[in-house]
Amino acid sequence: MTGVFSVSSRERDLAKFALAIQQLGNGRSNATGLVTLAAGATTTTVSAVNCAAGSAALLFPVTADAAAEAATTYVPTATVTKQQFVINHANDAKTDRTFFYLCIG
């Protein structure tokens, strides 16, 4: 999910930096996304370019089936690594267990 205007480290136009800062102040972030848990599996790997070891990956249920499984769905700290994290969850055939995620830190 793209939200914040990206600014290169080589950028010289201050207006582009100002726009990026303004967007952050308005609550936009590139650290968010949607993930649907893998059916018939106990883990789902999420590609998240802003994640790194030490980041916190937070999950918020979007669908009713995701809300029903939220208590047993979690991200072990050790699985948050460079540009990805792994969600542990129940093995279920349902294909609509969708969560919103935020990976910060």
Protein backbone atom coordinates (compact mmCIF):
# COMPACT_ATOMS: atom_id res chain seq x y z
CA MET A 1 0.00 0.00 0.00
CA THR A 2 1.54 3.29 -1.00
CA GLY A 3 0.67 6.32 1.01
CA VAL A 4 3.64 8.61 1.46
CA PHE A 5 5.35 10.39 -1.39
CA SER A 6 8.80 8.81 -1.65
CA VAL A 7 11.83 11.10 -1.59
CA SER A 8 15.22 9.96 -2.85
CA SER A 9 18.27 10.59 -0.67
CA ARG A 10 19.66 12.48 -3.67
CA GLU A 11 16.63 14.78 -3.94
CA ARG A 12 17.42 18.53 -3.90
CA ASP A 13 13.87 19.93 -4.26
CA LEU A 14 12.76 21.01 -0.76
CA ALA A 15 9.11 21.06 -1.85
CA LYS A 16 9.22 17.28 -2.27
CA PHE A 17 10.56 16.87 1.27
CA ALA A 18 7.84 19.20 2.55
CA LEU A 19 5.15 17.15 0.78
CA ALA A 20 6.45 13.90 2.29
CA ILE A 21 6.52 15.43 5.79
CA GLN A 22 3.02 16.85 5.31
CA GLN A 23 1.68 13.44 4.28
CA LEU A 24 3.23 11.80 7.34
CA GLY A 25 1.61 14.46 9.51
CA ASN A 26 -1.73 13.65 7.89
CA GLY A 27 -1.38 9.99 8.92
CA ARG A 28 -0.24 8.46 5.64
CA SER A 29 2.38 5.73 5.73
CA ASN A 30 4.04 3.13 3.51
CA ALA A 31 4.19 0.75 6.50
CA THR A 32 0.66 -0.64 6.06
CA GLY A 33 -1.12 -3.21 3.95
CA LEU A 34 -3.69 -5.98 3.70
CA VAL A 35 -3.00 -9.69 4.05
CA THR A 36 -5.28 -12.70 3.66
CA LEU A 37 -4.17 -15.72 5.67
CA ALA A 38 -3.17 -18.77 3.63
CA ALA A 39 -5.89 -21.42 3.56
CA GLY A 40 -4.85 -24.90 4.63
CA ALA A 41 -1.67 -23.67 6.34
CA THR A 42 -0.55 -22.57 9.80
CA THR A 43 1.66 -19.68 8.67
CA THR A 44 1.48 -16.86 6.16
CA THR A 45 4.55 -14.90 5.06
CA VAL A 46 4.01 -11.22 4.31
CA SER A 47 6.34 -9.14 2.14
CA ALA A 48 6.61 -5.70 3.75
CA VAL A 49 9.47 -3.56 2.48
CA ASN A 50 9.49 -1.31 5.57
CA CYS A 51 9.85 -4.17 8.07
CA ALA A 52 13.13 -5.08 9.71
CA ALA A 53 14.31 -7.04 12.71
CA GLY A 54 13.05 -5.23 15.78
CA SER A 55 9.95 -3.83 14.06
CA ALA A 56 6.49 -4.44 15.48
CA ALA A 57 4.01 -6.08 13.08
CA LEU A 58 0.48 -5.34 14.26
CA LEU A 59 -2.65 -7.03 12.89
CA PHE A 60 -6.23 -5.73 12.75
CA PRO A 61 -9.07 -7.95 11.46
CA VAL A 62 -10.94 -6.68 8.40
CA THR A 63 -13.40 -9.54 7.82
CA ALA A 64 -15.70 -11.43 10.19
CA ASP A 65 -13.69 -14.64 9.75
CA ALA A 66 -10.48 -12.76 10.58
CA ALA A 67 -12.11 -11.29 13.70
CA ALA A 68 -13.20 -14.78 14.78
CA GLU A 69 -9.58 -15.98 14.63
CA ALA A 70 -7.86 -12.85 15.94
CA ALA A 71 -7.26 -14.35 19.39
CA THR A 72 -5.14 -17.17 17.94
CA THR A 73 -3.45 -15.21 15.15
CA TYR A 74 -0.14 -13.53 15.96
CA VAL A 75 3.29 -12.49 14.68
CA PRO A 76 6.20 -13.97 16.67
CA THR A 77 8.88 -11.32 17.17
CA ALA A 78 11.58 -13.63 15.81
CA THR A 79 9.78 -13.85 12.43
CA VAL A 80 9.97 -10.11 11.76
CA THR A 81 13.02 -9.78 9.51
CA LYS A 82 14.27 -7.66 6.63
CA GLN A 83 11.29 -6.85 4.40
CA GLN A 84 8.97 -9.57 5.72
CA PHE A 85 7.18 -11.11 8.68
CA VAL A 86 5.39 -14.40 9.34
CA ILE A 87 1.92 -14.72 10.81
CA ASN A 88 1.09 -17.84 12.86
CA HIS A 89 -2.57 -18.88 12.66
CA ALA A 90 -4.97 -21.79 12.74
CA ASN A 91 -5.11 -24.20 9.79
CA ASP A 92 -8.44 -23.43 8.13
CA ALA A 93 -9.90 -23.80 4.65
CA LYS A 94 -11.50 -20.34 4.76
CA THR A 95 -10.14 -17.90 2.19
CA ASP A 96 -11.47 -14.63 3.60
CA ARG A 97 -9.45 -14.21 6.79
CA THR A 98 -8.16 -10.76 5.89
CA PHE A 99 -6.18 -8.48 8.21
CA PHE A 100 -4.88 -4.94 7.92
CA TYR A 101 -1.26 -4.74 9.08
CA LEU A 102 1.06 -2.05 10.31
CA CYS A 103 4.81 -2.73 10.56
CA ILE A 104 6.63 -0.01 12.49
CA GLY A 105 9.86 0.45 14.36
